[in-house]
N, C-alpha and C. Protein backbone atom coordinates (compact mmCIF):
# COMPACT_ATOMS: atom_id res chain seq x y z
N MET A 1 0.86 -1.22 -0.02
CA MET A 1 -0.02 0.05 -0.01
C MET A 1 0.95 1.16 0.07
N ASN A 2 2.01 1.17 0.53
CA ASN A 2 3.00 2.51 0.79
C ASN A 2 3.45 2.63 -0.62
N LYS A 3 3.75 1.73 -1.57
CA LYS A 3 4.26 1.90 -2.76
C LYS A 3 3.02 2.62 -3.68
N ILE A 4 1.86 2.21 -3.45
CA ILE A 4 0.72 2.93 -4.23
C ILE A 4 0.71 4.46 -3.84
N TRP A 5 0.78 4.75 -2.58
CA TRP A 5 0.69 6.11 -2.17
C TRP A 5 1.93 6.93 -2.71
N LYS A 6 3.17 6.18 -2.73
CA LYS A 6 4.29 6.90 -3.19
C LYS A 6 4.04 7.21 -4.76
N ARG A 7 3.66 6.20 -5.46
CA ARG A 7 3.45 6.54 -7.05
C ARG A 7 2.29 7.62 -7.22
N ILE A 8 1.33 7.54 -6.28
CA ILE A 8 0.38 8.60 -6.42
C ILE A 8 0.89 10.13 -6.31
N GLY A 9 1.70 10.20 -5.12
CA GLY A 9 2.35 11.50 -4.89
C GLY A 9 3.28 11.96 -5.92
N ASP A 10 4.13 10.81 -6.44
CA ASP A 10 4.93 11.24 -7.55
C ASP A 10 4.39 11.56 -8.93
N ALA A 11 3.07 11.09 -9.02
CA ALA A 11 2.36 11.42 -10.09
C ALA A 11 1.71 12.85 -10.03
N PHE A 12 1.31 13.21 -8.78
CA PHE A 12 0.96 14.68 -8.42
C PHE A 12 2.00 15.66 -8.73
N PHE A 13 3.25 15.25 -8.22
CA PHE A 13 4.60 16.00 -8.60
C PHE A 13 4.82 16.29 -9.97
N ILE A 14 4.74 15.36 -10.73
CA ILE A 14 4.96 15.39 -12.09
C ILE A 14 3.70 16.15 -12.87
N VAL A 15 2.73 16.16 -12.59
CA VAL A 15 1.60 16.89 -13.19
C VAL A 15 1.75 18.40 -12.76
N ALA A 16 2.11 18.59 -11.50
CA ALA A 16 2.37 20.07 -11.05
C ALA A 16 3.48 20.54 -11.94
N GLY A 17 4.55 19.80 -12.02
CA GLY A 17 5.87 20.28 -12.84
C GLY A 17 5.37 20.63 -14.16
N VAL A 18 4.48 19.65 -14.76
CA VAL A 18 4.10 19.89 -16.26
C VAL A 18 3.32 21.35 -16.30
N ALA A 19 2.35 21.43 -15.31
CA ALA A 19 1.53 22.61 -15.18
C ALA A 19 2.37 23.98 -15.15
N LEU A 20 3.49 23.75 -14.46
CA LEU A 20 4.37 24.93 -14.21
C LEU A 20 5.17 25.11 -15.55
N ILE A 21 5.55 24.25 -16.30
CA ILE A 21 6.44 24.50 -17.45
C ILE A 21 5.50 24.51 -18.62
N LEU A 22 4.42 24.02 -18.76
CA LEU A 22 3.51 24.16 -20.03
C LEU A 22 3.24 25.60 -20.49
N PRO A 23 3.02 26.57 -19.81
CA PRO A 23 2.92 27.94 -20.27
C PRO A 23 4.24 28.65 -21.05
N LEU A 24 5.30 27.90 -20.72
CA LEU A 24 6.47 28.38 -21.34
C LEU A 24 6.64 27.95 -22.81
N PHE A 25 5.85 26.82 -23.05
CA PHE A 25 6.04 26.31 -24.50
C PHE A 25 4.67 26.45 -25.45
N THR A 26 3.82 26.85 -24.78
CA THR A 26 2.59 27.08 -25.27
C THR A 26 1.96 28.58 -25.30
N ASP A 27 0.71 28.70 -25.73
CA ASP A 27 0.18 30.13 -25.80
C ASP A 27 -0.70 30.29 -24.43
N LEU A 28 -0.78 29.26 -23.70
CA LEU A 28 -1.73 29.12 -22.49
C LEU A 28 -1.18 30.24 -21.46
N PRO A 29 -2.04 30.93 -20.90
CA PRO A 29 -1.55 31.82 -19.74
C PRO A 29 -1.31 31.10 -18.53
N PHE A 30 -0.26 31.70 -17.70
CA PHE A 30 0.26 30.86 -16.52
C PHE A 30 -0.82 31.10 -15.36
N ARG A 31 -1.25 29.85 -14.94
CA ARG A 31 -2.26 30.02 -13.79
C ARG A 31 -1.61 29.20 -12.55
N TRP A 32 -1.31 30.00 -11.57
CA TRP A 32 -0.70 29.46 -10.20
C TRP A 32 -1.51 28.47 -9.62
N GLU A 33 -3.01 28.68 -9.91
CA GLU A 33 -3.86 27.71 -9.21
C GLU A 33 -3.78 26.32 -9.81
N LEU A 34 -3.45 26.16 -11.19
CA LEU A 34 -3.09 24.80 -11.60
C LEU A 34 -2.00 24.02 -10.90
N THR A 35 -0.94 24.93 -10.75
CA THR A 35 0.21 24.12 -10.03
C THR A 35 -0.11 23.70 -8.60
N TRP A 36 -0.69 24.75 -7.83
CA TRP A 36 -0.89 24.24 -6.48
C TRP A 36 -2.09 23.30 -6.37
N THR A 37 -2.90 23.19 -7.28
CA THR A 37 -4.04 22.14 -7.17
C THR A 37 -3.38 20.78 -7.31
N PHE A 38 -2.29 20.64 -7.90
CA PHE A 38 -1.67 19.28 -7.90
C PHE A 38 -0.56 19.14 -7.01
N LEU A 39 0.17 20.22 -6.52
CA LEU A 39 1.27 20.11 -5.72
C LEU A 39 0.80 19.97 -4.36
N ALA A 40 -0.30 20.54 -3.95
CA ALA A 40 -0.71 20.47 -2.46
C ALA A 40 -0.90 18.91 -2.11
N PRO A 41 -1.75 18.23 -3.06
CA PRO A 41 -1.98 16.76 -2.66
C PRO A 41 -0.76 16.06 -2.48
N ALA A 42 0.16 16.24 -3.37
CA ALA A 42 1.68 15.76 -3.46
C ALA A 42 2.27 15.79 -2.19
N VAL A 43 2.18 17.10 -1.67
CA VAL A 43 2.98 17.40 -0.43
C VAL A 43 2.17 16.70 0.92
N ILE A 44 0.92 16.58 0.72
CA ILE A 44 0.00 15.90 1.81
C ILE A 44 0.23 14.63 1.82
N ILE A 45 0.53 13.85 0.80
CA ILE A 45 0.78 12.51 0.62
C ILE A 45 2.17 12.19 1.30
N GLN A 46 3.06 12.92 0.92
CA GLN A 46 4.42 12.84 1.20
C GLN A 46 4.54 12.84 2.80
N ARG A 47 3.88 13.95 3.32
CA ARG A 47 3.86 14.28 4.77
C ARG A 47 3.10 13.10 5.56
N LEU A 48 1.94 12.55 5.14
CA LEU A 48 1.35 11.63 5.77
C LEU A 48 2.03 10.27 5.84
N ARG A 49 2.89 10.13 4.83
CA ARG A 49 3.72 8.92 4.81
C ARG A 49 4.75 9.13 5.94
N GLU A 50 5.31 10.34 6.01
CA GLU A 50 6.31 10.74 6.96
C GLU A 50 5.86 10.46 8.35
N VAL A 51 4.48 10.78 8.53
CA VAL A 51 4.08 10.62 10.05
C VAL A 51 4.05 9.14 10.21
N ASN A 52 3.50 8.50 9.28
CA ASN A 52 3.27 6.98 9.49
C ASN A 52 4.68 6.32 9.70
N GLU A 53 5.76 6.54 8.78
CA GLU A 53 7.07 6.08 8.96
C GLU A 53 7.81 6.38 10.08
N LYS A 54 8.08 7.79 10.35
CA LYS A 54 9.06 8.21 11.31
C LYS A 54 8.36 8.51 12.76
N GLY A 55 7.02 8.70 12.73
CA GLY A 55 6.27 9.21 13.99
C GLY A 55 6.43 10.64 14.28
N ARG A 56 7.02 11.31 13.48
CA ARG A 56 6.97 12.85 13.68
C ARG A 56 5.73 13.47 13.38
N LYS A 57 5.20 14.32 14.26
CA LYS A 57 3.92 14.76 14.20
C LYS A 57 3.74 16.20 13.86
N VAL A 58 4.52 17.15 14.63
CA VAL A 58 4.49 18.72 14.55
C VAL A 58 4.58 19.11 13.22
N GLU A 59 5.80 18.96 12.67
CA GLU A 59 6.00 19.61 11.44
C GLU A 59 5.21 19.20 10.24
N PRO A 60 5.00 17.95 10.02
CA PRO A 60 4.12 17.43 9.05
C PRO A 60 2.68 17.86 9.07
N ILE A 61 2.30 17.96 10.27
CA ILE A 61 0.84 18.50 10.38
C ILE A 61 0.79 19.98 10.04
N LEU A 62 1.72 20.72 10.40
CA LEU A 62 1.65 22.15 10.05
C LEU A 62 1.85 22.19 8.48
N THR A 63 2.62 21.48 7.89
CA THR A 63 2.78 21.33 6.38
C THR A 63 1.43 20.90 5.86
N ILE A 64 0.80 19.98 6.29
CA ILE A 64 -0.31 19.56 5.80
C ILE A 64 -1.48 20.53 5.95
N GLY A 65 -1.50 21.31 6.94
CA GLY A 65 -2.55 22.45 7.25
C GLY A 65 -2.40 23.43 6.05
N MET A 66 -0.95 23.83 6.04
CA MET A 66 -0.70 25.04 4.89
C MET A 66 -0.96 24.48 3.53
N SER A 67 -0.86 23.32 3.36
CA SER A 67 -1.09 22.80 1.86
C SER A 67 -2.47 22.64 1.78
N LEU A 68 -3.37 22.20 2.68
CA LEU A 68 -4.86 22.36 2.69
C LEU A 68 -5.41 23.63 2.29
N LEU A 69 -4.82 24.78 2.94
CA LEU A 69 -5.25 26.02 2.92
C LEU A 69 -4.83 26.44 1.40
N LEU A 70 -3.64 26.18 0.94
CA LEU A 70 -3.24 26.53 -0.32
C LEU A 70 -4.16 25.81 -1.43
N PHE A 71 -4.51 24.58 -1.36
CA PHE A 71 -5.29 23.83 -2.17
C PHE A 71 -6.74 24.40 -2.35
N GLY A 72 -7.20 24.64 -1.19
CA GLY A 72 -8.47 25.43 -0.99
C GLY A 72 -8.59 26.51 -1.68
N ILE A 73 -7.67 27.51 -1.34
CA ILE A 73 -7.75 28.85 -2.15
C ILE A 73 -7.48 28.64 -3.66
N SER A 74 -6.43 27.82 -4.10
CA SER A 74 -6.27 27.66 -5.48
C SER A 74 -7.59 27.04 -6.26
N PHE A 75 -8.15 26.05 -5.51
CA PHE A 75 -9.38 25.39 -6.06
C PHE A 75 -10.55 26.44 -6.19
N TYR A 76 -10.68 27.17 -5.21
CA TYR A 76 -11.82 28.23 -5.03
C TYR A 76 -11.46 29.21 -6.34
N SER A 77 -10.28 29.65 -6.38
CA SER A 77 -9.88 30.53 -7.50
C SER A 77 -10.18 30.02 -8.72
N LEU A 78 -9.90 28.76 -9.03
CA LEU A 78 -10.06 28.00 -10.35
C LEU A 78 -11.73 28.24 -10.64
N LEU A 79 -12.26 27.77 -9.72
CA LEU A 79 -13.80 27.60 -9.90
C LEU A 79 -14.45 28.85 -10.10
N PHE A 80 -14.28 29.89 -9.43
CA PHE A 80 -15.01 31.08 -9.24
C PHE A 80 -14.33 32.39 -9.96
N ASN A 81 -13.14 32.42 -10.39
CA ASN A 81 -12.60 33.36 -11.20
C ASN A 81 -12.64 33.21 -12.59
N LYS A 82 -13.20 34.12 -13.28
CA LYS A 82 -13.00 34.03 -14.84
C LYS A 82 -11.90 34.82 -15.34
N MET A 83 -11.19 34.05 -16.31
CA MET A 83 -10.11 34.82 -16.84
C MET A 83 -10.30 34.94 -18.25
């Protein structure tokens, strides 16, 4: 099960990287929301795995909270802002 979560997290990192680089090579406008929509779940998965493996709790929980906040703001911005 740990391998599955690692691969899902890696896939989110790759998609976030593609969303960051894609506007450089196309005529699409840069949207920071796309990057954070995929980067935040990748960070959350990585930190949850760290909590389970190492037992550290304070720093990963703060990181998870900030990632959830950034994910919420970016998702809200994607849904309700017209560009």
